[in-house]
Amino acid sequence: MASIDNVSLPNTDDIIIDVRHPDEAEQRPLTCTANKILSLPFFNITQRLGELDKQQSYLLYCEKGIMSRIHADTMVKNGFKKIGVFAPDS
């Protein structure tokens, strides 16, 4: 697995990808950031990688960080260069 950093304070140009199930994201919306948030559930992300800019900086988010880390690794293996896991402080 690639070395992927946890980020608690995103840069203004980072796009956060919420990989949670839509029901989970609706019940507990991610509102702790001013960054653009893409809802891209874990079960769709691999099929939709072609829609994303490989030069953009992305931070993946899920509640526990496991699914976000797995999919961040997949993105790195698919040529994405600026990938991290969004881990906001509780």
N, C-alpha and C. Protein backbone atom coordinates (compact mmCIF):
# COMPACT_ATOMS: atom_id res chain seq x y z
N MET A 1 0.85 -1.19 0.00
CA MET A 1 0.00 0.00 0.00
C MET A 1 0.89 1.25 0.00
N ALA A 2 0.50 2.23 -0.78
CA ALA A 2 1.26 3.48 -0.89
C ALA A 2 1.24 4.24 0.44
N SER A 3 2.24 5.10 0.62
CA SER A 3 2.27 5.96 1.81
C SER A 3 1.32 7.13 1.57
N ILE A 4 0.27 7.17 2.37
CA ILE A 4 -0.77 8.18 2.20
C ILE A 4 -0.95 8.91 3.53
N ASP A 5 -0.83 10.23 3.49
CA ASP A 5 -0.90 11.04 4.70
C ASP A 5 -2.34 11.25 5.16
N ASN A 6 -2.51 11.33 6.48
CA ASN A 6 -3.75 11.80 7.08
C ASN A 6 -3.66 13.32 7.15
N VAL A 7 -4.73 13.99 6.81
CA VAL A 7 -4.78 15.45 6.80
C VAL A 7 -5.96 15.90 7.65
N SER A 8 -5.70 16.70 8.67
CA SER A 8 -6.80 17.19 9.50
C SER A 8 -7.24 18.60 9.09
N LEU A 9 -6.33 19.36 8.49
CA LEU A 9 -6.66 20.72 8.02
C LEU A 9 -6.37 20.80 6.52
N PRO A 10 -7.40 20.66 5.69
CA PRO A 10 -7.18 20.68 4.24
C PRO A 10 -6.78 22.06 3.73
N ASN A 11 -6.03 22.06 2.63
CA ASN A 11 -5.73 23.30 1.93
C ASN A 11 -6.99 23.75 1.21
N THR A 12 -7.06 25.02 0.86
CA THR A 12 -8.27 25.56 0.24
C THR A 12 -8.57 24.93 -1.12
N ASP A 13 -7.55 24.44 -1.82
CA ASP A 13 -7.79 23.84 -3.14
C ASP A 13 -8.02 22.33 -3.10
N ASP A 14 -7.94 21.72 -1.92
CA ASP A 14 -8.22 20.28 -1.79
C ASP A 14 -9.71 20.02 -2.00
N ILE A 15 -10.02 18.98 -2.74
CA ILE A 15 -11.39 18.52 -2.88
C ILE A 15 -11.53 17.28 -2.01
N ILE A 16 -12.57 17.27 -1.19
CA ILE A 16 -12.80 16.13 -0.30
C ILE A 16 -13.79 15.19 -0.97
N ILE A 17 -13.40 13.92 -1.05
CA ILE A 17 -14.28 12.89 -1.60
C ILE A 17 -14.83 12.09 -0.44
N ASP A 18 -16.13 12.20 -0.25
CA ASP A 18 -16.82 11.46 0.80
C ASP A 18 -17.19 10.09 0.23
N VAL A 19 -16.52 9.03 0.70
CA VAL A 19 -16.72 7.69 0.15
C VAL A 19 -17.75 6.88 0.93
N ARG A 20 -18.41 7.52 1.89
CA ARG A 20 -19.41 6.79 2.69
C ARG A 20 -20.64 6.45 1.85
N HIS A 21 -21.40 5.48 2.34
CA HIS A 21 -22.67 5.13 1.72
C HIS A 21 -23.57 6.37 1.76
N PRO A 22 -24.35 6.62 0.72
CA PRO A 22 -25.20 7.83 0.71
C PRO A 22 -26.09 7.97 1.94
N ASP A 23 -26.62 6.87 2.46
CA ASP A 23 -27.46 6.95 3.67
C ASP A 23 -26.66 7.48 4.86
N GLU A 24 -25.43 6.99 5.00
CA GLU A 24 -24.57 7.42 6.10
C GLU A 24 -24.21 8.89 5.95
N ALA A 25 -23.89 9.31 4.72
CA ALA A 25 -23.52 10.70 4.47
C ALA A 25 -24.72 11.63 4.73
N GLU A 26 -25.92 11.16 4.41
CA GLU A 26 -27.12 11.97 4.65
C GLU A 26 -27.41 12.10 6.14
N GLN A 27 -27.21 11.02 6.89
CA GLN A 27 -27.47 11.05 8.32
C GLN A 27 -26.46 11.90 9.08
N ARG A 28 -25.21 11.88 8.63
CA ARG A 28 -24.14 12.64 9.29
C ARG A 28 -23.34 13.41 8.23
N PRO A 29 -23.92 14.49 7.71
CA PRO A 29 -23.25 15.24 6.64
C PRO A 29 -21.91 15.81 7.10
N LEU A 30 -20.99 15.85 6.19
CA LEU A 30 -19.67 16.41 6.44
C LEU A 30 -19.76 17.92 6.26
N THR A 31 -19.73 18.66 7.36
CA THR A 31 -19.91 20.11 7.30
C THR A 31 -18.77 20.88 7.96
N CYS A 32 -17.72 20.19 8.33
CA CYS A 32 -16.65 20.84 9.10
C CYS A 32 -15.60 21.48 8.21
N THR A 33 -15.90 21.70 6.95
CA THR A 33 -14.91 22.26 6.04
C THR A 33 -15.55 23.18 5.01
N ALA A 34 -14.79 24.13 4.54
CA ALA A 34 -15.26 25.02 3.48
C ALA A 34 -14.89 24.48 2.10
N ASN A 35 -14.20 23.36 2.05
CA ASN A 35 -13.75 22.77 0.79
C ASN A 35 -14.92 22.19 0.00
N LYS A 36 -14.71 22.07 -1.30
CA LYS A 36 -15.68 21.37 -2.15
C LYS A 36 -15.70 19.91 -1.72
N ILE A 37 -16.91 19.35 -1.62
CA ILE A 37 -17.06 17.95 -1.22
C ILE A 37 -17.78 17.21 -2.34
N LEU A 38 -17.17 16.13 -2.80
CA LEU A 38 -17.80 15.24 -3.78
C LEU A 38 -18.31 14.01 -3.04
N SER A 39 -19.55 13.67 -3.26
CA SER A 39 -20.07 12.42 -2.71
C SER A 39 -19.85 11.35 -3.76
N LEU A 40 -18.93 10.45 -3.47
CA LEU A 40 -18.56 9.39 -4.40
C LEU A 40 -18.45 8.11 -3.60
N PRO A 41 -19.57 7.41 -3.40
CA PRO A 41 -19.59 6.24 -2.53
C PRO A 41 -18.56 5.19 -2.93
N PHE A 42 -18.06 4.49 -1.92
CA PHE A 42 -17.01 3.49 -2.09
C PHE A 42 -17.35 2.48 -3.19
N PHE A 43 -18.62 2.17 -3.38
CA PHE A 43 -18.99 1.16 -4.37
C PHE A 43 -19.01 1.71 -5.80
N ASN A 44 -18.81 3.02 -5.98
CA ASN A 44 -18.78 3.63 -7.31
C ASN A 44 -17.43 4.24 -7.68
N ILE A 45 -16.57 4.42 -6.72
CA ILE A 45 -15.38 5.24 -6.95
C ILE A 45 -14.47 4.68 -8.06
N THR A 46 -14.25 3.39 -8.08
CA THR A 46 -13.35 2.81 -9.08
C THR A 46 -13.86 3.06 -10.50
N GLN A 47 -15.16 2.92 -10.70
CA GLN A 47 -15.75 3.12 -12.02
C GLN A 47 -15.72 4.58 -12.45
N ARG A 48 -15.61 5.50 -11.50
CA ARG A 48 -15.71 6.93 -11.82
C ARG A 48 -14.36 7.66 -11.79
N LEU A 49 -13.27 6.92 -11.62
CA LEU A 49 -11.95 7.57 -11.58
C LEU A 49 -11.65 8.35 -12.84
N GLY A 50 -12.12 7.91 -13.97
CA GLY A 50 -11.87 8.59 -15.24
C GLY A 50 -12.48 9.98 -15.31
N GLU A 51 -13.44 10.28 -14.45
CA GLU A 51 -14.08 11.59 -14.42
C GLU A 51 -13.28 12.61 -13.60
N LEU A 52 -12.26 12.14 -12.88
CA LEU A 52 -11.52 13.01 -11.97
C LEU A 52 -10.19 13.44 -12.59
N ASP A 53 -9.76 14.65 -12.24
CA ASP A 53 -8.50 15.22 -12.71
C ASP A 53 -7.34 14.65 -11.90
N LYS A 54 -6.43 13.96 -12.56
CA LYS A 54 -5.30 13.33 -11.85
C LYS A 54 -4.33 14.34 -11.25
N GLN A 55 -4.40 15.60 -11.66
CA GLN A 55 -3.52 16.64 -11.12
C GLN A 55 -4.12 17.36 -9.91
N GLN A 56 -5.41 17.17 -9.67
CA GLN A 56 -6.11 17.80 -8.55
C GLN A 56 -5.71 17.13 -7.24
N SER A 57 -5.76 17.88 -6.17
CA SER A 57 -5.50 17.36 -4.84
C SER A 57 -6.81 16.89 -4.22
N TYR A 58 -6.86 15.60 -3.84
CA TYR A 58 -8.06 15.00 -3.25
C TYR A 58 -7.76 14.45 -1.87
N LEU A 59 -8.72 14.61 -0.97
CA LEU A 59 -8.68 13.98 0.34
C LEU A 59 -9.92 13.10 0.45
N LEU A 60 -9.72 11.84 0.76
CA LEU A 60 -10.84 10.92 0.87
C LEU A 60 -11.28 10.84 2.32
N TYR A 61 -12.60 10.70 2.51
CA TYR A 61 -13.15 10.70 3.87
C TYR A 61 -14.16 9.58 4.07
N CYS A 62 -14.05 8.92 5.21
CA CYS A 62 -15.08 8.03 5.73
C CYS A 62 -14.97 8.09 7.25
N GLU A 63 -15.94 7.55 7.95
CA GLU A 63 -15.98 7.67 9.42
C GLU A 63 -14.72 7.13 10.10
N LYS A 64 -14.32 5.92 9.75
CA LYS A 64 -13.20 5.26 10.45
C LYS A 64 -11.87 5.39 9.71
N GLY A 65 -11.91 5.79 8.46
CA GLY A 65 -10.69 5.97 7.70
C GLY A 65 -10.21 4.74 6.94
N ILE A 66 -10.92 3.63 7.11
CA ILE A 66 -10.47 2.39 6.45
C ILE A 66 -10.80 2.40 4.96
N MET A 67 -12.07 2.66 4.62
CA MET A 67 -12.47 2.69 3.20
C MET A 67 -11.78 3.83 2.47
N SER A 68 -11.61 4.96 3.13
CA SER A 68 -10.94 6.08 2.47
C SER A 68 -9.48 5.74 2.18
N ARG A 69 -8.81 5.05 3.09
CA ARG A 69 -7.41 4.67 2.87
C ARG A 69 -7.29 3.64 1.74
N ILE A 70 -8.20 2.68 1.70
CA ILE A 70 -8.17 1.67 0.63
C ILE A 70 -8.35 2.34 -0.73
N HIS A 71 -9.32 3.25 -0.83
CA HIS A 71 -9.57 3.90 -2.12
C HIS A 71 -8.53 4.96 -2.45
N ALA A 72 -7.92 5.57 -1.46
CA ALA A 72 -6.81 6.49 -1.72
C ALA A 72 -5.66 5.70 -2.35
N ASP A 73 -5.40 4.51 -1.85
CA ASP A 73 -4.35 3.66 -2.41
C ASP A 73 -4.68 3.29 -3.87
N THR A 74 -5.94 2.98 -4.13
CA THR A 74 -6.37 2.66 -5.49
C THR A 74 -6.14 3.85 -6.41
N MET A 75 -6.45 5.05 -5.94
CA MET A 75 -6.25 6.24 -6.76
C MET A 75 -4.77 6.46 -7.06
N VAL A 76 -3.91 6.29 -6.06
CA VAL A 76 -2.46 6.43 -6.28
C VAL A 76 -2.00 5.42 -7.34
N LYS A 77 -2.46 4.20 -7.23
CA LYS A 77 -2.08 3.15 -8.19
C LYS A 77 -2.61 3.45 -9.59
N ASN A 78 -3.62 4.32 -9.69
CA ASN A 78 -4.18 4.70 -10.98
C ASN A 78 -3.64 6.04 -11.48
N GLY A 79 -2.54 6.51 -10.89
CA GLY A 79 -1.86 7.70 -11.41
C GLY A 79 -2.19 9.02 -10.76
N PHE A 80 -3.01 9.02 -9.72
CA PHE A 80 -3.30 10.26 -9.01
C PHE A 80 -2.12 10.58 -8.10
N LYS A 81 -1.67 11.84 -8.11
CA LYS A 81 -0.44 12.22 -7.41
C LYS A 81 -0.66 12.87 -6.05
N LYS A 82 -1.77 13.59 -5.88
CA LYS A 82 -1.99 14.37 -4.66
C LYS A 82 -3.22 13.80 -3.93
N ILE A 83 -2.97 12.74 -3.18
CA ILE A 83 -4.05 12.03 -2.50
C ILE A 83 -3.73 11.93 -1.01
N GLY A 84 -4.75 12.14 -0.19
CA GLY A 84 -4.61 11.98 1.25
C GLY A 84 -5.91 11.49 1.84
N VAL A 85 -5.89 11.24 3.13
CA VAL A 85 -7.09 10.84 3.86
C VAL A 85 -7.47 11.98 4.79
N PHE A 86 -8.69 12.48 4.64
CA PHE A 86 -9.18 13.55 5.49
C PHE A 86 -9.57 12.94 6.82
N ALA A 87 -8.89 13.39 7.88
CA ALA A 87 -9.13 12.90 9.24
C ALA A 87 -9.34 14.10 10.15
N PRO A 88 -10.53 14.70 10.10
CA PRO A 88 -10.78 15.89 10.92
C PRO A 88 -10.68 15.56 12.40
N ASP A 89 -10.18 16.52 13.16
CA ASP A 89 -10.13 16.34 14.60
C ASP A 89 -11.54 16.34 15.15
N SER A 90 -11.79 15.45 16.06
CA SER A 90 -13.14 15.36 16.64
C SER A 90 -13.36 16.42 17.68
